[in-house]
Amino acid sequence: MCISDYRLGEQIRSQLDAFSVAVGTPVVIPPDPNRTGIIINTSAVISVITSFVIVTVAGVCVGKLWSSAPTIAYLLKEHGDLCQREFTLTATTSTAVCGVVRLTLPQDVIAAALSEFSRSQ
């Protein structure tokens, strides 16, 4: 890790939310072009083995959360702009409590980082 990685990391902000995801009532996490990562987990153990939370982007399943796999993380450096898109959480057979951590960088920091890494002619 170089010093510029540390300086950039200091600028990342987090927002934590908890959602009750009920059957038939999906939770939508809106898109955000400043998001650098999103971490989604089930904070309560889902007791029914056939019950899980489906995580979708644009109608495509990108992950499932259940008691043996309670956390999914999508990061800009590993998954490209996927973390910036709209996410939908859908419970299958019982209500689940999901925690969501959204990691963001202010637009001016993103612009500064882009200019720092661009090559001048």
PDB file of N, CA and C in Angstrom:
ATOM      1  N   MET A   1       0.851  -1.172   0.000  1.00  0.00           N
ATOM      2  CA  MET A   1       0.000   0.000   0.000  1.00  0.00           C
ATOM      3  C   MET A   1       0.896   1.233   0.000  1.00  0.00           C
ATOM      4  N   CYS A   2       0.675   2.113  -0.967  1.00  0.00           N
ATOM      5  CA  CYS A   2       1.474   3.332  -1.024  1.00  0.00           C
ATOM      6  C   CYS A   2       0.740   4.475  -0.318  1.00  0.00           C
ATOM      7  N   ILE A   3       1.424   5.583  -0.142  1.00  0.00           N
ATOM      8  CA  ILE A   3       0.861   6.707   0.609  1.00  0.00           C
ATOM      9  C   ILE A   3      -0.382   7.276  -0.074  1.00  0.00           C
ATOM     10  N   SER A   4      -0.423   7.239  -1.418  1.00  0.00           N
ATOM     11  CA  SER A   4      -1.613   7.758  -2.096  1.00  0.00           C
ATOM     12  C   SER A   4      -2.825   6.867  -1.834  1.00  0.00           C
ATOM     13  N   ASP A   5      -2.612   5.545  -1.669  1.00  0.00           N
ATOM     14  CA  ASP A   5      -3.714   4.652  -1.305  1.00  0.00           C
ATOM     15  C   ASP A   5      -4.264   5.033   0.058  1.00  0.00           C
ATOM     16  N   TYR A   6      -3.383   5.328   0.991  1.00  0.00           N
ATOM     17  CA  TYR A   6      -3.796   5.716   2.341  1.00  0.00           C
ATOM     18  C   TYR A   6      -4.562   7.037   2.314  1.00  0.00           C
ATOM     19  N   ARG A   7      -4.038   8.017   1.553  1.00  0.00           N
ATOM     20  CA  ARG A   7      -4.712   9.326   1.457  1.00  0.00           C
ATOM     21  C   ARG A   7      -6.102   9.176   0.861  1.00  0.00           C
ATOM     22  N   LEU A   8      -6.221   8.351  -0.161  1.00  0.00           N
ATOM     23  CA  LEU A   8      -7.518   8.123  -0.784  1.00  0.00           C
ATOM     24  C   LEU A   8      -8.448   7.390   0.176  1.00  0.00           C
ATOM     25  N   GLY A   9      -7.924   6.393   0.884  1.00  0.00           N
ATOM     26  CA  GLY A   9      -8.717   5.633   1.845  1.00  0.00           C
ATOM     27  C   GLY A   9      -9.281   6.491   2.965  1.00  0.00           C
ATOM     28  N   GLU A  10      -8.542   7.512   3.367  1.00  0.00           N
ATOM     29  CA  GLU A  10      -9.026   8.424   4.409  1.00  0.00           C
ATOM     30  C   GLU A  10     -10.262   9.188   3.983  1.00  0.00           C
ATOM     31  N   GLN A  11     -10.461   9.347   2.698  1.00  0.00           N
ATOM     32  CA  GLN A  11     -11.581  10.130   2.174  1.00  0.00           C
ATOM     33  C   GLN A  11     -12.864   9.307   2.037  1.00  0.00           C
ATOM     34  N   ILE A  12     -12.764   7.993   2.118  1.00  0.00           N
ATOM     35  CA  ILE A  12     -13.938   7.130   1.954  1.00  0.00           C
ATOM     36  C   ILE A  12     -14.854   7.292   3.157  1.00  0.00           C
ATOM     37  N   ARG A  13     -16.128   7.490   2.888  1.00  0.00           N
ATOM     38  CA  ARG A  13     -17.134   7.651   3.935  1.00  0.00           C
ATOM     39  C   ARG A  13     -18.054   6.438   3.934  1.00  0.00           C
ATOM     40  N   SER A  14     -18.604   6.134   5.109  1.00  0.00           N
ATOM     41  CA  SER A  14     -19.499   4.978   5.213  1.00  0.00           C
ATOM     42  C   SER A  14     -20.868   5.416   5.714  1.00  0.00           C
ATOM     43  N   GLN A  15     -21.876   4.729   5.228  1.00  0.00           N
ATOM     44  CA  GLN A  15     -23.251   4.927   5.679  1.00  0.00           C
ATOM     45  C   GLN A  15     -23.803   3.557   6.013  1.00  0.00           C
ATOM     46  N   LEU A  16     -24.304   3.399   7.238  1.00  0.00           N
ATOM     47  CA  LEU A  16     -24.823   2.117   7.700  1.00  0.00           C
ATOM     48  C   LEU A  16     -26.327   2.193   7.854  1.00  0.00           C
ATOM     49  N   ASP A  17     -27.019   1.188   7.323  1.00  0.00           N
ATOM     50  CA  ASP A  17     -28.474   1.119   7.422  1.00  0.00           C
ATOM     51  C   ASP A  17     -28.888  -0.314   7.732  1.00  0.00           C
ATOM     52  N   ALA A  18     -30.036  -0.453   8.368  1.00  0.00           N
ATOM     53  CA  ALA A  18     -30.634  -1.773   8.593  1.00  0.00           C
ATOM     54  C   ALA A  18     -32.015  -1.764   7.955  1.00  0.00           C
ATOM     55  N   PHE A  19     -32.324  -2.833   7.236  1.00  0.00           N
ATOM     56  CA  PHE A  19     -33.601  -2.947   6.555  1.00  0.00           C
ATOM     57  C   PHE A  19     -34.283  -4.250   6.955  1.00  0.00           C
ATOM     58  N   SER A  20     -35.577  -4.180   7.150  1.00  0.00           N
ATOM     59  CA  SER A  20     -36.371  -5.381   7.348  1.00  0.00           C
ATOM     60  C   SER A  20     -36.912  -5.771   5.973  1.00  0.00           C
ATOM     61  N   VAL A  21     -36.451  -6.899   5.481  1.00  0.00           N
ATOM     62  CA  VAL A  21     -36.832  -7.353   4.144  1.00  0.00           C
ATOM     63  C   VAL A  21     -37.926  -8.404   4.301  1.00  0.00           C
ATOM     64  N   ALA A  22     -39.148  -8.008   3.992  1.00  0.00           N
ATOM     65  CA  ALA A  22     -40.294  -8.909   4.136  1.00  0.00           C
ATOM     66  C   ALA A  22     -40.601  -9.589   2.808  1.00  0.00           C
ATOM     67  N   VAL A  23     -41.197 -10.755   2.892  1.00  0.00           N
ATOM     68  CA  VAL A  23     -41.612 -11.485   1.691  1.00  0.00           C
ATOM     69  C   VAL A  23     -42.606 -10.612   0.919  1.00  0.00           C
ATOM     70  N   GLY A  24     -42.381 -10.443  -0.368  1.00  0.00           N
ATOM     71  CA  GLY A  24     -43.290  -9.657  -1.204  1.00  0.00           C
ATOM     72  C   GLY A  24     -43.049  -8.146  -1.140  1.00  0.00           C
ATOM     73  N   THR A  25     -42.111  -7.706  -0.311  1.00  0.00           N
ATOM     74  CA  THR A  25     -41.801  -6.282  -0.195  1.00  0.00           C
ATOM     75  C   THR A  25     -40.293  -6.081  -0.333  1.00  0.00           C
ATOM     76  N   PRO A  26     -39.782  -6.062  -1.550  1.00  0.00           N
ATOM     77  CA  PRO A  26     -38.337  -5.911  -1.747  1.00  0.00           C
ATOM     78  C   PRO A  26     -37.837  -4.553  -1.257  1.00  0.00           C
ATOM     79  N   VAL A  27     -36.582  -4.511  -0.876  1.00  0.00           N
ATOM     80  CA  VAL A  27     -35.919  -3.267  -0.493  1.00  0.00           C
ATOM     81  C   VAL A  27     -35.010  -2.868  -1.645  1.00  0.00           C
ATOM     82  N   VAL A  28     -35.132  -1.614  -2.091  1.00  0.00           N
ATOM     83  CA  VAL A  28     -34.321  -1.120  -3.201  1.00  0.00           C
ATOM     84  C   VAL A  28     -33.279  -0.148  -2.657  1.00  0.00           C
ATOM     85  N   ILE A  29     -32.026  -0.395  -3.005  1.00  0.00           N
ATOM     86  CA  ILE A  29     -30.930   0.506  -2.661  1.00  0.00           C
ATOM     87  C   ILE A  29     -30.591   1.257  -3.944  1.00  0.00           C
ATOM     88  N   PRO A  30     -30.817   2.574  -3.960  1.00  0.00           N
ATOM     89  CA  PRO A  30     -30.655   3.321  -5.212  1.00  0.00           C
ATOM     90  C   PRO A  30     -29.207   3.357  -5.704  1.00  0.00           C
ATOM     91  N   PRO A  31     -29.033   3.597  -7.006  1.00  0.00           N
ATOM     92  CA  PRO A  31     -27.672   3.699  -7.540  1.00  0.00           C
ATOM     93  C   PRO A  31     -26.972   4.945  -7.001  1.00  0.00           C
ATOM     94  N   ASP A  32     -25.650   4.913  -7.018  1.00  0.00           N
ATOM     95  CA  ASP A  32     -24.862   6.060  -6.551  1.00  0.00           C
ATOM     96  C   ASP A  32     -23.521   6.059  -7.277  1.00  0.00           C
ATOM     97  N   PRO A  33     -23.268   7.043  -8.137  1.00  0.00           N
ATOM     98  CA  PRO A  33     -22.005   7.074  -8.886  1.00  0.00           C
ATOM     99  C   PRO A  33     -20.788   7.322  -8.002  1.00  0.00           C
ATOM    100  N   ASN A  34     -20.987   7.760  -6.768  1.00  0.00           N
ATOM    101  CA  ASN A  34     -19.875   7.998  -5.850  1.00  0.00           C
ATOM    102  C   ASN A  34     -19.578   6.793  -4.959  1.00  0.00           C
ATOM    103  N   ARG A  35     -20.370   5.723  -5.102  1.00  0.00           N
ATOM    104  CA  ARG A  35     -20.179   4.556  -4.242  1.00  0.00           C
ATOM    105  C   ARG A  35     -18.956   3.767  -4.706  1.00  0.00           C
ATOM    106  N   THR A  36     -18.075   3.450  -3.760  1.00  0.00           N
ATOM    107  CA  THR A  36     -16.873   2.666  -4.052  1.00  0.00           C
ATOM    108  C   THR A  36     -16.998   1.232  -3.550  1.00  0.00           C
ATOM    109  N   GLY A  37     -18.052   0.956  -2.798  1.00  0.00           N
ATOM    110  CA  GLY A  37     -18.275  -0.392  -2.310  1.00  0.00           C
ATOM    111  C   GLY A  37     -19.606  -0.494  -1.598  1.00  0.00           C
ATOM    112  N   ILE A  38     -20.119  -1.709  -1.520  1.00  0.00           N
ATOM    113  CA  ILE A  38     -21.342  -1.971  -0.773  1.00  0.00           C
ATOM    114  C   ILE A  38     -21.190  -3.349  -0.122  1.00  0.00           C
ATOM    115  N   ILE A  39     -21.530  -3.400   1.154  1.00  0.00           N
ATOM    116  CA  ILE A  39     -21.460  -4.645   1.916  1.00  0.00           C
ATOM    117  C   ILE A  39     -22.869  -4.914   2.430  1.00  0.00           C
ATOM    118  N   ILE A  40     -23.378  -6.090   2.140  1.00  0.00           N
ATOM    119  CA  ILE A  40     -24.740  -6.454   2.537  1.00  0.00           C
ATOM    120  C   ILE A  40     -24.649  -7.721   3.381  1.00  0.00           C
ATOM    121  N   ASN A  41     -25.317  -7.712   4.534  1.00  0.00           N
ATOM    122  CA  ASN A  41     -25.306  -8.915   5.359  1.00  0.00           C
ATOM    123  C   ASN A  41     -26.649  -9.122   6.042  1.00  0.00           C
ATOM    124  N   THR A  42     -26.845 -10.338   6.511  1.00  0.00           N
ATOM    125  CA  THR A  42     -28.004 -10.628   7.340  1.00  0.00           C
ATOM    126  C   THR A  42     -27.508 -10.626   8.767  1.00  0.00           C
ATOM    127  N   SER A  43     -28.023  -9.710   9.566  1.00  0.00           N
ATOM    128  CA  SER A  43     -27.553  -9.585  10.940  1.00  0.00           C
ATOM    129  C   SER A  43     -28.250 -10.555  11.869  1.00  0.00           C
ATOM    130  N   ALA A  44     -29.376 -11.069  11.460  1.00  0.00           N
ATOM    131  CA  ALA A  44     -30.092 -12.066  12.271  1.00  0.00           C
ATOM    132  C   ALA A  44     -29.980 -13.416  11.577  1.00  0.00           C
ATOM    133  N   VAL A  45     -29.816 -14.453  12.349  1.00  0.00           N
ATOM    134  CA  VAL A  45     -29.720 -15.793  11.768  1.00  0.00           C
ATOM    135  C   VAL A  45     -31.062 -16.156  11.143  1.00  0.00           C
ATOM    136  N   ILE A  46     -31.020 -16.563   9.904  1.00  0.00           N
ATOM    137  CA  ILE A  46     -32.236 -16.998   9.221  1.00  0.00           C
ATOM    138  C   ILE A  46     -32.426 -18.462   9.599  1.00  0.00           C
ATOM    139  N   SER A  47     -33.467 -18.714  10.369  1.00  0.00           N
ATOM    140  CA  SER A  47     -33.623 -20.036  10.980  1.00  0.00           C
ATOM    141  C   SER A  47     -34.125 -21.114  10.022  1.00  0.00           C
ATOM    142  N   VAL A  48     -34.876 -20.733   9.040  1.00  0.00           N
ATOM    143  CA  VAL A  48     -35.410 -21.733   8.115  1.00  0.00           C
ATOM    144  C   VAL A  48     -34.374 -21.990   7.028  1.00  0.00           C
ATOM    145  N   ILE A  49     -33.974 -23.228   6.853  1.00  0.00           N
ATOM    146  CA  ILE A  49     -32.890 -23.557   5.922  1.00  0.00           C
ATOM    147  C   ILE A  49     -33.212 -23.167   4.485  1.00  0.00           C
ATOM    148  N   THR A  50     -34.483 -23.151   4.136  1.00  0.00           N
ATOM    149  CA  THR A  50     -34.862 -22.807   2.763  1.00  0.00           C
ATOM    150  C   THR A  50     -35.101 -21.310   2.586  1.00  0.00           C
ATOM    151  N   SER A  51     -34.915 -20.539   3.633  1.00  0.00           N
ATOM    152  CA  SER A  51     -35.144 -19.095   3.559  1.00  0.00           C
ATOM    153  C   SER A  51     -33.826 -18.366   3.318  1.00  0.00           C
ATOM    154  N   PHE A  52     -33.844 -17.442   2.378  1.00  0.00           N
ATOM    155  CA  PHE A  52     -32.661 -16.630   2.123  1.00  0.00           C
ATOM    156  C   PHE A  52     -33.092 -15.315   1.499  1.00  0.00           C
ATOM    157  N   VAL A  53     -32.136 -14.411   1.357  1.00  0.00           N
ATOM    158  CA  VAL A  53     -32.381 -13.112   0.721  1.00  0.00           C
ATOM    159  C   VAL A  53     -31.652 -13.122  -0.610  1.00  0.00           C
ATOM    160  N   ILE A  54     -32.373 -12.802  -1.673  1.00  0.00           N
ATOM    161  CA  ILE A  54     -31.788 -12.733  -3.011  1.00  0.00           C
ATOM    162  C   ILE A  54     -31.356 -11.294  -3.268  1.00  0.00           C
ATOM    163  N   VAL A  55     -30.124 -11.125  -3.752  1.00  0.00           N
ATOM    164  CA  VAL A  55     -29.585  -9.807  -4.092  1.00  0.00           C
ATOM    165  C   VAL A  55     -29.535  -9.724  -5.615  1.00  0.00           C
ATOM    166  N   THR A  56     -30.250  -8.741  -6.186  1.00  0.00           N
ATOM    167  CA  THR A  56     -30.276  -8.603  -7.647  1.00  0.00           C
ATOM    168  C   THR A  56     -29.848  -7.208  -8.077  1.00  0.00           C
ATOM    169  N   VAL A  57     -29.323  -7.156  -9.300  1.00  0.00           N
ATOM    170  CA  VAL A  57     -28.982  -5.904  -9.974  1.00  0.00           C
ATOM    171  C   VAL A  57     -29.585  -6.011 -11.367  1.00  0.00           C
ATOM    172  N   ALA A  58     -30.442  -5.075 -11.723  1.00  0.00           N
ATOM    173  CA  ALA A  58     -31.104  -5.063 -13.029  1.00  0.00           C
ATOM    174  C   ALA A  58     -31.804  -6.397 -13.315  1.00  0.00           C
ATOM    175  N   GLY A  59     -32.418  -6.980 -12.284  1.00  0.00           N
ATOM    176  CA  GLY A  59     -33.162  -8.219 -12.455  1.00  0.00           C
ATOM    177  C   GLY A  59     -32.317  -9.478 -12.505  1.00  0.00           C
ATOM    178  N   VAL A  60     -31.016  -9.349 -12.339  1.00  0.00           N
ATOM    179  CA  VAL A  60     -30.109 -10.494 -12.383  1.00  0.00           C
ATOM    180  C   VAL A  60     -29.610 -10.787 -10.969  1.00  0.00           C
ATOM    181  N   CYS A  61     -29.718 -12.045 -10.554  1.00  0.00           N
ATOM    182  CA  CYS A  61     -29.243 -12.442  -9.224  1.00  0.00           C
ATOM    183  C   CYS A  61     -27.712 -12.355  -9.195  1.00  0.00           C
ATOM    184  N   VAL A  62     -27.180 -11.565  -8.257  1.00  0.00           N
ATOM    185  CA  VAL A  62     -25.732 -11.454  -8.091  1.00  0.00           C
ATOM    186  C   VAL A  62     -25.278 -12.066  -6.771  1.00  0.00           C
ATOM    187  N   GLY A  63     -26.222 -12.582  -5.977  1.00  0.00           N
ATOM    188  CA  GLY A  63     -25.854 -13.226  -4.729  1.00  0.00           C
ATOM    189  C   GLY A  63     -27.058 -13.606  -3.901  1.00  0.00           C
ATOM    190  N   LYS A  64     -26.814 -14.491  -2.932  1.00  0.00           N
ATOM    191  CA  LYS A  64     -27.855 -14.901  -1.986  1.00  0.00           C
ATOM    192  C   LYS A  64     -27.261 -14.849  -0.585  1.00  0.00           C
ATOM    193  N   LEU A  65     -28.062 -14.413   0.369  1.00  0.00           N
ATOM    194  CA  LEU A  65     -27.645 -14.358   1.769  1.00  0.00           C
ATOM    195  C   LEU A  65     -28.448 -15.364   2.568  1.00  0.00           C
ATOM    196  N   TRP A  66     -27.795 -16.221   3.320  1.00  0.00           N
ATOM    197  CA  TRP A  66     -28.469 -17.112   4.266  1.00  0.00           C
ATOM    198  C   TRP A  66     -27.537 -17.332   5.429  1.00  0.00           C
ATOM    199  N   SER A  67     -27.939 -18.122   6.400  1.00  0.00           N
ATOM    200  CA  SER A  67     -27.188 -18.228   7.651  1.00  0.00           C
ATOM    201  C   SER A  67     -25.757 -18.735   7.458  1.00  0.00           C
ATOM    202  N   SER A  68     -25.497 -19.595   6.480  1.00  0.00           N
ATOM    203  CA  SER A  68     -24.132 -20.079   6.287  1.00  0.00           C
ATOM    204  C   SER A  68     -23.289 -19.157   5.399  1.00  0.00           C
ATOM    205  N   ALA A  69     -23.908 -18.198   4.738  1.00  0.00           N
ATOM    206  CA  ALA A  69     -23.199 -17.214   3.910  1.00  0.00           C
ATOM    207  C   ALA A  69     -23.861 -15.852   4.125  1.00  0.00           C
ATOM    208  N   PRO A  70     -23.613 -15.242   5.296  1.00  0.00           N
ATOM    209  CA  PRO A  70     -24.387 -14.061   5.670  1.00  0.00           C
ATOM    210  C   PRO A  70     -23.907 -12.716   5.106  1.00  0.00           C
ATOM    211  N   THR A  71     -22.792 -12.688   4.366  1.00  0.00           N
ATOM    212  CA  THR A  71     -22.255 -11.401   3.911  1.00  0.00           C
ATOM    213  C   THR A  71     -21.826 -11.462   2.450  1.00  0.00           C
ATOM    214  N   ILE A  72     -22.133 -10.382   1.728  1.00  0.00           N
ATOM    215  CA  ILE A  72     -21.677 -10.192   0.350  1.00  0.00           C
ATOM    216  C   ILE A  72     -21.072  -8.796   0.272  1.00  0.00           C
ATOM    217  N   ALA A  73     -19.925  -8.688  -0.385  1.00  0.00           N
ATOM    218  CA  ALA A  73     -19.287  -7.378  -0.565  1.00  0.00           C
ATOM    219  C   ALA A  73     -18.956  -7.188  -2.044  1.00  0.00           C
ATOM    220  N   TYR A  74     -19.297  -6.013  -2.554  1.00  0.00           N
ATOM    221  CA  TYR A  74     -18.949  -5.638  -3.917  1.00  0.00           C
ATOM    222  C   TYR A  74     -18.137  -4.356  -3.828  1.00  0.00           C
ATOM    223  N   LEU A  75     -16.887  -4.404  -4.318  1.00  0.00           N
ATOM    224  CA  LEU A  75     -15.977  -3.272  -4.224  1.00  0.00           C
ATOM    225  C   LEU A  75     -15.579  -2.802  -5.615  1.00  0.00           C
ATOM    226  N   LEU A  76     -15.438  -1.505  -5.763  1.00  0.00           N
ATOM    227  CA  LEU A  76     -15.107  -0.906  -7.051  1.00  0.00           C
ATOM    228  C   LEU A  76     -13.837  -1.509  -7.642  1.00  0.00           C
ATOM    229  N   LYS A  77     -12.811  -1.713  -6.821  1.00  0.00           N
ATOM    230  CA  LYS A  77     -11.531  -2.216  -7.347  1.00  0.00           C
ATOM    231  C   LYS A  77     -11.608  -3.661  -7.811  1.00  0.00           C
ATOM    232  N   GLU A  78     -12.591  -4.426  -7.306  1.00  0.00           N
ATOM    233  CA  GLU A  78     -12.704  -5.829  -7.681  1.00  0.00           C
ATOM    234  C   GLU A  78     -13.851  -6.124  -8.642  1.00  0.00           C
ATOM    235  N   HIS A  79     -14.924  -5.323  -8.578  1.00  0.00           N
ATOM    236  CA  HIS A  79     -16.126  -5.619  -9.348  1.00  0.00           C
ATOM    237  C   HIS A  79     -16.522  -4.501 -10.309  1.00  0.00           C
ATOM    238  N   GLY A  80     -15.642  -3.533 -10.512  1.00  0.00           N
ATOM    239  CA  GLY A  80     -15.963  -2.428 -11.415  1.00  0.00           C
ATOM    240  C   GLY A  80     -17.154  -1.635 -10.906  1.00  0.00           C
ATOM    241  N   ASP A  81     -17.962  -1.122 -11.815  1.00  0.00           N
ATOM    242  CA  ASP A  81     -19.068  -0.232 -11.430  1.00  0.00           C
ATOM    243  C   ASP A  81     -20.295  -0.967 -10.886  1.00  0.00           C
ATOM    244  N   LEU A  82     -20.220  -2.288 -10.697  1.00  0.00           N
ATOM    245  CA  LEU A  82     -21.355  -3.031 -10.149  1.00  0.00           C
ATOM    246  C   LEU A  82     -21.815  -2.435  -8.822  1.00  0.00           C
ATOM    247  N   CYS A  83     -20.881  -2.038  -7.977  1.00  0.00           N
ATOM    248  CA  CYS A  83     -21.247  -1.501  -6.654  1.00  0.00           C
ATOM    249  C   CYS A  83     -22.001  -0.176  -6.749  1.00  0.00           C
ATOM    250  N   GLN A  84     -21.939   0.491  -7.883  1.00  0.00           N
ATOM    251  CA  GLN A  84     -22.599   1.785  -8.056  1.00  0.00           C
ATOM    252  C   GLN A  84     -24.032   1.668  -8.573  1.00  0.00           C
ATOM    253  N   ARG A  85     -24.451   0.480  -8.912  1.00  0.00           N
ATOM    254  CA  ARG A  85     -25.769   0.267  -9.504  1.00  0.00           C
ATOM    255  C   ARG A  85     -26.858   0.110  -8.444  1.00  0.00           C
ATOM    256  N   GLU A  86     -28.092   0.029  -8.894  1.00  0.00           N
ATOM    257  CA  GLU A  86     -29.229  -0.182  -7.994  1.00  0.00           C
ATOM    258  C   GLU A  86     -29.271  -1.645  -7.569  1.00  0.00           C
ATOM    259  N   PHE A  87     -29.426  -1.890  -6.262  1.00  0.00           N
ATOM    260  CA  PHE A  87     -29.526  -3.238  -5.712  1.00  0.00           C
ATOM    261  C   PHE A  87     -30.934  -3.453  -5.178  1.00  0.00           C
ATOM    262  N   THR A  88     -31.454  -4.658  -5.335  1.00  0.00           N
ATOM    263  CA  THR A  88     -32.756  -5.033  -4.784  1.00  0.00           C
ATOM    264  C   THR A  88     -32.564  -6.246  -3.892  1.00  0.00           C
ATOM    265  N   LEU A  89     -33.116  -6.172  -2.671  1.00  0.00           N
ATOM    266  CA  LEU A  89     -33.060  -7.275  -1.719  1.00  0.00           C
ATOM    267  C   LEU A  89     -34.454  -7.867  -1.614  1.00  0.00           C
ATOM    268  N   THR A  90     -34.568  -9.181  -1.811  1.00  0.00           N
ATOM    269  CA  THR A  90     -35.861  -9.852  -1.791  1.00  0.00           C
ATOM    270  C   THR A  90     -35.793 -11.071  -0.875  1.00  0.00           C
ATOM    271  N   ALA A  91     -36.691 -11.128   0.114  1.00  0.00           N
ATOM    272  CA  ALA A  91     -36.773 -12.290   0.999  1.00  0.00           C
ATOM    273  C   ALA A  91     -37.591 -13.378   0.317  1.00  0.00           C
ATOM    274  N   THR A  92     -37.230 -14.640   0.580  1.00  0.00           N
ATOM    275  CA  THR A  92     -37.932 -15.744  -0.083  1.00  0.00           C
ATOM    276  C   THR A  92     -39.107 -16.277   0.722  1.00  0.00           C
ATOM    277  N   THR A  93     -38.889 -16.724   1.946  1.00  0.00           N
ATOM    278  CA  THR A  93     -39.990 -17.338   2.687  1.00  0.00           C
ATOM    279  C   THR A  93     -40.233 -16.745   4.070  1.00  0.00           C
ATOM    280  N   SER A  94     -39.322 -15.928   4.570  1.00  0.00           N
ATOM    281  CA  SER A  94     -39.543 -15.282   5.862  1.00  0.00           C
ATOM    282  C   SER A  94     -38.821 -13.938   5.887  1.00  0.00           C
ATOM    283  N   THR A  95     -39.262 -13.054   6.760  1.00  0.00           N
ATOM    284  CA  THR A  95     -38.662 -11.729   6.880  1.00  0.00           C
ATOM    285  C   THR A  95     -37.241 -11.850   7.416  1.00  0.00           C
ATOM    286  N   ALA A  96     -36.343 -11.057   6.860  1.00  0.00           N
ATOM    287  CA  ALA A  96     -34.950 -11.040   7.304  1.00  0.00           C
ATOM    288  C   ALA A  96     -34.526  -9.603   7.565  1.00  0.00           C
ATOM    289  N   VAL A  97     -33.626  -9.422   8.498  1.00  0.00           N
ATOM    290  CA  VAL A  97     -33.038  -8.110   8.752  1.00  0.00           C
ATOM    291  C   VAL A  97     -31.690  -8.068   8.050  1.00  0.00           C
ATOM    292  N   CYS A  98     -31.514  -7.088   7.176  1.00  0.00           N
ATOM    293  CA  CYS A  98     -30.261  -6.953   6.439  1.00  0.00           C
ATOM    294  C   CYS A  98     -29.572  -5.647   6.817  1.00  0.00           C
ATOM    295  N   GLY A  99     -28.286  -5.753   7.037  1.00  0.00           N
ATOM    296  CA  GLY A  99     -27.469  -4.570   7.246  1.00  0.00           C
ATOM    297  C   GLY A  99     -26.788  -4.218   5.932  1.00  0.00           C
ATOM    298  N   VAL A 100     -26.716  -2.918   5.637  1.00  0.00           N
ATOM    299  CA  VAL A 100     -26.076  -2.464   4.402  1.00  0.00           C
ATOM    300  C   VAL A 100     -25.075  -1.366   4.762  1.00  0.00           C
ATOM    301  N   VAL A 101     -23.839  -1.550   4.317  1.00  0.00           N
ATOM    302  CA  VAL A 101     -22.800  -0.531   4.485  1.00  0.00           C
ATOM    303  C   VAL A 101     -22.472  -0.019   3.093  1.00  0.00           C
ATOM    304  N   ARG A 102     -22.680   1.276   2.898  1.00  0.00           N
ATOM    305  CA  ARG A 102     -22.358   1.908   1.614  1.00  0.00           C
ATOM    306  C   ARG A 102     -21.094   2.741   1.797  1.00  0.00           C
ATOM    307  N   LEU A 103     -20.101   2.491   0.972  1.00  0.00           N
ATOM    308  CA  LEU A 103     -18.838   3.217   1.019  1.00  0.00           C
ATOM    309  C   LEU A 103     -18.799   4.182  -0.154  1.00  0.00           C
ATOM    310  N   THR A 104     -18.553   5.453   0.118  1.00  0.00           N
ATOM    311  CA  THR A 104     -18.572   6.462  -0.946  1.00  0.00           C
ATOM    312  C   THR A 104     -17.362   7.383  -0.869  1.00  0.00           C
ATOM    313  N   LEU A 105     -17.037   7.960  -2.008  1.00  0.00           N
ATOM    314  CA  LEU A 105     -16.039   9.015  -2.120  1.00  0.00           C
ATOM    315  C   LEU A 105     -16.716  10.249  -2.671  1.00  0.00           C
ATOM    316  N   PRO A 106     -16.425  11.432  -2.127  1.00  0.00           N
ATOM    317  CA  PRO A 106     -16.992  12.655  -2.697  1.00  0.00           C
ATOM    318  C   PRO A 106     -16.535  12.831  -4.149  1.00  0.00           C
ATOM    319  N   GLN A 107     -17.371  13.435  -4.971  1.00  0.00           N
ATOM    320  CA  GLN A 107     -17.089  13.610  -6.398  1.00  0.00           C
ATOM    321  C   GLN A 107     -15.781  14.359  -6.635  1.00  0.00           C
ATOM    322  N   ASP A 108     -15.480  15.374  -5.814  1.00  0.00           N
ATOM    323  CA  ASP A 108     -14.245  16.136  -6.015  1.00  0.00           C
ATOM    324  C   ASP A 108     -13.006  15.271  -5.762  1.00  0.00           C
ATOM    325  N   VAL A 109     -13.097  14.307  -4.854  1.00  0.00           N
ATOM    326  CA  VAL A 109     -11.973  13.404  -4.605  1.00  0.00           C
ATOM    327  C   VAL A 109     -11.809  12.448  -5.780  1.00  0.00           C
ATOM    328  N   ILE A 110     -12.905  11.971  -6.311  1.00  0.00           N
ATOM    329  CA  ILE A 110     -12.834  11.089  -7.483  1.00  0.00           C
ATOM    330  C   ILE A 110     -12.194  11.827  -8.647  1.00  0.00           C
ATOM    331  N   ALA A 111     -12.603  13.056  -8.886  1.00  0.00           N
ATOM    332  CA  ALA A 111     -12.047  13.854  -9.981  1.00  0.00           C
ATOM    333  C   ALA A 111     -10.558  14.117  -9.758  1.00  0.00           C
ATOM    334  N   ALA A 112     -10.167  14.409  -8.531  1.00  0.00           N
ATOM    335  CA  ALA A 112      -8.755  14.653  -8.224  1.00  0.00           C
ATOM    336  C   ALA A 112      -7.930  13.395  -8.446  1.00  0.00           C
ATOM    337  N   ALA A 113      -8.474  12.244  -8.028  1.00  0.00           N
ATOM    338  CA  ALA A 113      -7.757  10.984  -8.204  1.00  0.00           C
ATOM    339  C   ALA A 113      -7.589  10.669  -9.686  1.00  0.00           C
ATOM    340  N   LEU A 114      -8.604  10.953 -10.499  1.00  0.00           N
ATOM    341  CA  LEU A 114      -8.503  10.699 -11.933  1.00  0.00           C
ATOM    342  C   LEU A 114      -7.433  11.567 -12.563  1.00  0.00           C
ATOM    343  N   SER A 115      -7.358  12.842 -12.192  1.00  0.00           N
ATOM    344  CA  SER A 115      -6.343  13.726 -12.754  1.00  0.00           C
ATOM    345  C   SER A 115      -4.946  13.336 -12.276  1.00  0.00           C
ATOM    346  N   GLU A 116      -4.851  12.821 -11.060  1.00  0.00           N
ATOM    347  CA  GLU A 116      -3.568  12.393 -10.522  1.00  0.00           C
ATOM    348  C   GLU A 116      -3.007  11.211 -11.307  1.00  0.00           C
ATOM    349  N   PHE A 117      -3.889  10.326 -11.778  1.00  0.00           N
ATOM    350  CA  PHE A 117      -3.434   9.136 -12.470  1.00  0.00           C
ATOM    351  C   PHE A 117      -3.414   9.293 -13.994  1.00  0.00           C
ATOM    352  N   SER A 118      -3.888  10.413 -14.523  1.00  0.00           N
ATOM    353  CA  SER A 118      -3.860  10.593 -15.966  1.00  0.00           C
ATOM    354  C   SER A 118      -2.447  10.980 -16.404  1.00  0.00           C
ATOM    355  N   ARG A 119      -2.114  10.590 -17.620  1.00  0.00           N
ATOM    356  CA  ARG A 119      -0.787  10.919 -18.156  1.00  0.00           C
ATOM    357  C   ARG A 119      -0.885  12.229 -18.920  1.00  0.00           C
ATOM    358  N   SER A 120       0.044  13.115 -18.633  1.00  0.00           N
ATOM    359  CA  SER A 120       0.060  14.384 -19.381  1.00  0.00           C
ATOM    360  C   SER A 120       0.914  14.196 -20.636  1.00  0.00           C
ATOM    361  N   GLN A 121       0.541  14.895 -21.678  1.00  0.00           N
ATOM    362  CA  GLN A 121       1.233  14.767 -22.963  1.00  0.00           C
ATOM    363  C   GLN A 121       2.435  15.643 -23.006  1.00  0.00           C
TER     364      GLN A 121
END
